Protein backbone atom coordinates (compact mmCIF):
# COMPACT_ATOMS: atom_id res chain seq x y z
CA MET A 1 -77.52 14.87 91.95
CA THR A 2 -75.44 14.73 89.32
CA ASN A 3 -77.94 17.12 87.71
CA GLN A 4 -77.22 19.64 90.46
CA LYS A 5 -73.78 19.07 89.84
CA ARG A 6 -73.57 20.19 86.05
CA PRO A 7 -75.28 23.35 86.09
CA SER A 8 -72.68 25.02 88.85
CA LYS A 9 -69.81 22.93 86.35
CA ILE A 10 -71.28 24.82 83.68
CA PHE A 11 -72.05 27.86 85.54
CA ARG A 12 -68.56 28.05 86.81
CA ALA A 13 -67.27 27.33 83.44
CA GLN A 14 -69.39 30.72 81.84
CA THR A 15 -67.84 32.68 84.60
CA LEU A 16 -64.17 31.49 83.38
CA ILE A 17 -65.30 32.26 80.06
CA PHE A 18 -66.33 36.12 80.74
CA ALA A 19 -63.69 36.55 83.08
CA VAL A 20 -61.41 35.35 81.57
CA SER A 21 -61.84 37.03 78.30
CA THR A 22 -62.73 40.14 80.25
CA LEU A 23 -58.86 40.53 81.18
CA ILE A 24 -57.93 39.79 77.12
CA LEU A 25 -60.20 42.38 76.37
CA ILE A 26 -59.15 45.38 79.21
CA PHE A 27 -55.54 43.69 79.20
CA LEU A 28 -55.78 44.90 74.86
CA PHE A 29 -57.42 48.51 75.75
CA TRP A 30 -54.71 49.16 77.91
CA LEU A 31 -51.64 47.75 76.37
CA ILE A 32 -52.94 49.64 72.89
CA TYR A 33 -53.76 52.97 74.42
CA PHE A 34 -52.45 53.87 77.67
CA LYS A 35 -49.26 51.87 77.77
CA GLU A 36 -46.34 53.25 76.79
CA ALA A 37 -44.13 51.57 73.84
CA ALA A 38 -40.58 49.84 75.25
CA SER A 39 -38.07 50.37 72.98
CA ASP A 40 -37.48 47.92 70.30
CA GLN A 41 -33.38 48.97 70.03
CA GLY A 42 -31.76 45.75 68.58
CA LEU A 43 -34.97 44.05 67.69
CA GLU A 44 -35.35 44.05 64.26
CA TRP A 45 -38.05 41.00 64.33
CA VAL A 46 -40.71 43.27 66.22
CA SER A 47 -41.08 44.70 62.69
CA THR A 48 -41.80 41.18 60.87
CA LEU A 49 -44.82 40.71 63.58
CA PRO A 50 -47.53 42.37 61.35
CA THR A 51 -46.82 40.37 58.57
CA LEU A 52 -46.93 36.76 61.03
CA ASN A 53 -49.94 38.05 62.06
CA ALA A 54 -51.73 38.73 58.80
CA SER A 55 -50.35 35.26 58.33
CA LEU A 56 -51.46 33.79 61.61
CA ASN A 57 -54.71 35.85 60.33
CA SER A 58 -55.10 34.10 56.82
CA ILE A 59 -54.32 30.78 58.33
CA CYS A 60 -57.09 30.30 60.89
CA PHE A 61 -59.41 31.80 57.55
CA LEU A 62 -58.38 29.25 55.67
CA LEU A 63 -58.81 26.76 58.58
CA LEU A 64 -62.17 27.92 59.54
CA ILE A 65 -63.73 27.44 55.97
CA LEU A 66 -62.23 24.03 56.03
CA GLY A 67 -63.57 23.12 58.85
CA TYR A 68 -66.87 24.44 58.22
CA ARG A 69 -66.30 22.13 54.73
CA PHE A 70 -65.96 18.78 56.77
CA ILE A 71 -68.62 19.18 59.16
CA LYS A 72 -71.13 18.97 56.14
CA LYS A 73 -69.32 16.74 55.00
CA LYS A 74 -70.13 14.40 58.28
CA ASN A 75 -65.89 14.99 58.43
CA LYS A 76 -65.83 14.78 62.34
CA PRO A 77 -62.11 14.27 62.93
CA ALA A 78 -61.10 16.64 60.08
CA HIS A 79 -63.55 19.71 61.45
CA ILE A 80 -62.17 19.27 64.98
CA ALA A 81 -58.69 18.93 63.53
CA SER A 82 -59.56 22.48 61.61
CA MET A 83 -61.19 24.48 64.24
CA LEU A 84 -58.44 23.68 66.61
CA GLY A 85 -55.89 24.73 64.07
CA ALA A 86 -57.88 27.98 63.51
CA THR A 87 -57.81 28.74 68.03
CA LEU A 88 -54.04 28.34 67.75
CA CYS A 89 -53.72 30.21 65.23
CA SER A 90 -56.20 33.12 66.64
CA ALA A 91 -54.00 32.52 70.13
CA LEU A 92 -50.70 32.60 68.08
CA PHE A 93 -51.69 35.89 66.80
CA LEU A 94 -52.77 37.53 70.46
CA VAL A 95 -49.09 36.60 71.50
CA SER A 96 -47.88 37.95 68.45
CA TYR A 97 -49.99 41.24 68.67
CA ILE A 98 -48.84 41.74 72.16
CA ILE A 99 -45.50 41.50 71.63
CA TYR A 100 -45.56 43.97 68.88
CA HIS A 101 -47.67 46.33 70.54
CA HIS A 102 -45.64 45.91 73.75
CA TYR A 103 -42.74 47.87 71.86
CA GLN A 104 -44.79 49.81 69.26
CA GLY A 105 -47.82 50.80 70.56
CA ASP A 106 -50.41 52.32 68.98
CA THR A 107 -50.39 52.30 64.95
CA LYS A 108 -51.07 55.69 62.95
CA PHE A 109 -53.05 55.67 59.54
CA LEU A 110 -51.36 58.52 58.38
CA THR A 111 -53.60 58.42 54.47
CA GLN A 112 -55.81 61.21 53.81
CA GLY A 113 -58.99 60.40 51.20
CA TRP A 114 -61.21 57.99 49.88
CA VAL A 115 -59.39 55.29 51.18
CA ARG A 116 -59.46 56.67 55.17
CA PRO A 117 -63.32 56.30 55.65
CA VAL A 118 -63.30 52.88 54.40
CA TYR A 119 -59.67 52.24 56.46
CA PHE A 120 -61.64 52.88 60.09
CA PHE A 121 -64.88 51.28 58.21
CA VAL A 122 -62.85 47.74 58.35
CA LEU A 123 -60.93 48.18 61.27
CA ILE A 124 -63.23 49.61 63.80
CA SER A 125 -65.99 46.97 62.64
CA HIS A 126 -62.90 44.49 62.65
CA ILE A 127 -62.35 45.30 66.63
CA LEU A 128 -66.17 46.17 67.61
CA LEU A 129 -67.05 42.31 66.78
CA SER A 130 -63.37 40.88 67.51
CA ILE A 131 -64.67 42.09 71.12
CA PRO A 132 -67.44 39.39 71.61
CA LEU A 133 -65.72 36.90 69.20
CA VAL A 134 -63.59 36.46 72.29
CA PRO A 135 -65.83 34.93 74.82
CA MET A 136 -68.12 33.12 71.37
CA VAL A 137 -64.91 31.35 70.62
CA LEU A 138 -63.80 29.80 74.31
CA THR A 139 -68.08 28.95 74.92
CA THR A 140 -68.54 27.13 71.38
CA LEU A 141 -65.43 25.17 72.19
CA TYR A 142 -66.68 24.41 75.82
CA LYS A 143 -69.39 23.33 74.45
CA ALA A 144 -67.47 20.98 71.78
CA ALA A 145 -65.08 20.15 74.91
CA THR A 146 -68.37 18.92 77.06
CA LYS A 147 -70.36 17.32 73.73
CA SER A 148 -73.04 19.35 74.39
CA TRP A 149 -73.50 19.43 70.61
CA GLU A 150 -77.05 21.12 69.70
CA SER A 151 -75.85 23.89 71.89
CA HIS A 152 -72.16 24.03 70.30
CA LYS A 153 -74.31 23.18 66.73
CA LYS A 154 -76.17 26.92 67.94
CA TRP A 155 -72.94 28.92 69.00
CA ALA A 156 -71.16 27.36 66.14
CA ARG A 157 -73.76 29.30 63.67
CA ALA A 158 -73.05 32.59 65.33
CA THR A 159 -69.44 32.61 66.15
CA PHE A 160 -68.58 31.27 62.85
CA PRO A 161 -68.96 34.22 60.59
CA ILE A 162 -67.96 36.88 62.93
CA TRP A 163 -64.53 34.60 63.55
CA LEU A 164 -64.49 34.59 59.36
CA TYR A 165 -65.08 37.83 59.63
CA VAL A 166 -62.49 39.58 62.21
CA SER A 167 -60.06 37.13 60.59
CA LEU A 168 -60.45 38.38 56.93
CA THR A 169 -60.93 41.96 58.48
CA GLY A 170 -57.49 41.45 60.13
CA VAL A 171 -55.43 40.49 56.99
CA LEU A 172 -56.87 43.99 55.36
CA VAL A 173 -56.24 46.20 58.13
CA TYR A 174 -52.40 44.98 58.11
CA ILE A 175 -53.36 45.82 54.20
CA PHE A 176 -54.75 49.08 54.59
CA VAL A 177 -51.27 49.55 57.73
CA GLN A 178 -48.63 47.98 55.63
CA HIS A 179 -48.97 48.63 52.19
CA LEU A 180 -51.77 52.01 51.91
CA ASN A 181 -50.58 54.36 54.51
CA PHE A 182 -48.72 57.00 53.36
CA PRO A 183 -48.27 60.39 55.29
CA SER A 184 -49.45 63.62 53.41
CA ALA A 185 -47.54 65.77 51.57
């Protein structure tokens, strides 16, 4: 009887992960490309959110590296703490990102020349890899929480490099938009 319940429980968890991930992605697409920006008049703090987002991505990147090193050294408690910290940073990033885009809408990149295709390559690869990342992270965490260690390892091997890349390119997108974004003369 417990063998029949377990697949059902796993199926429900995977369905929930897929549903939550899909809703997040649909919401973000609507927020960035269709929702009109709200007024941020009197809300000067909104302009600080891109820096906060880049900081959260940087911290996430470092925690992922630490988590990887800890598990290679068989320090499971430190690995768990690092990975939960990376997850928290990613969740806080998502909240901050949503708030920022609620007020600012889509951000345009105005710089011309060689930097423009580099920026768009980084941005597009960042976006495309962030789409499967949400369900991958949630599934990897679920596998750890349910002590499905072999499955967790398989998911982590795929999730880790993508999460690392998305965190790093998130910082690069910030640098491009905040420090290399100049209108054409």
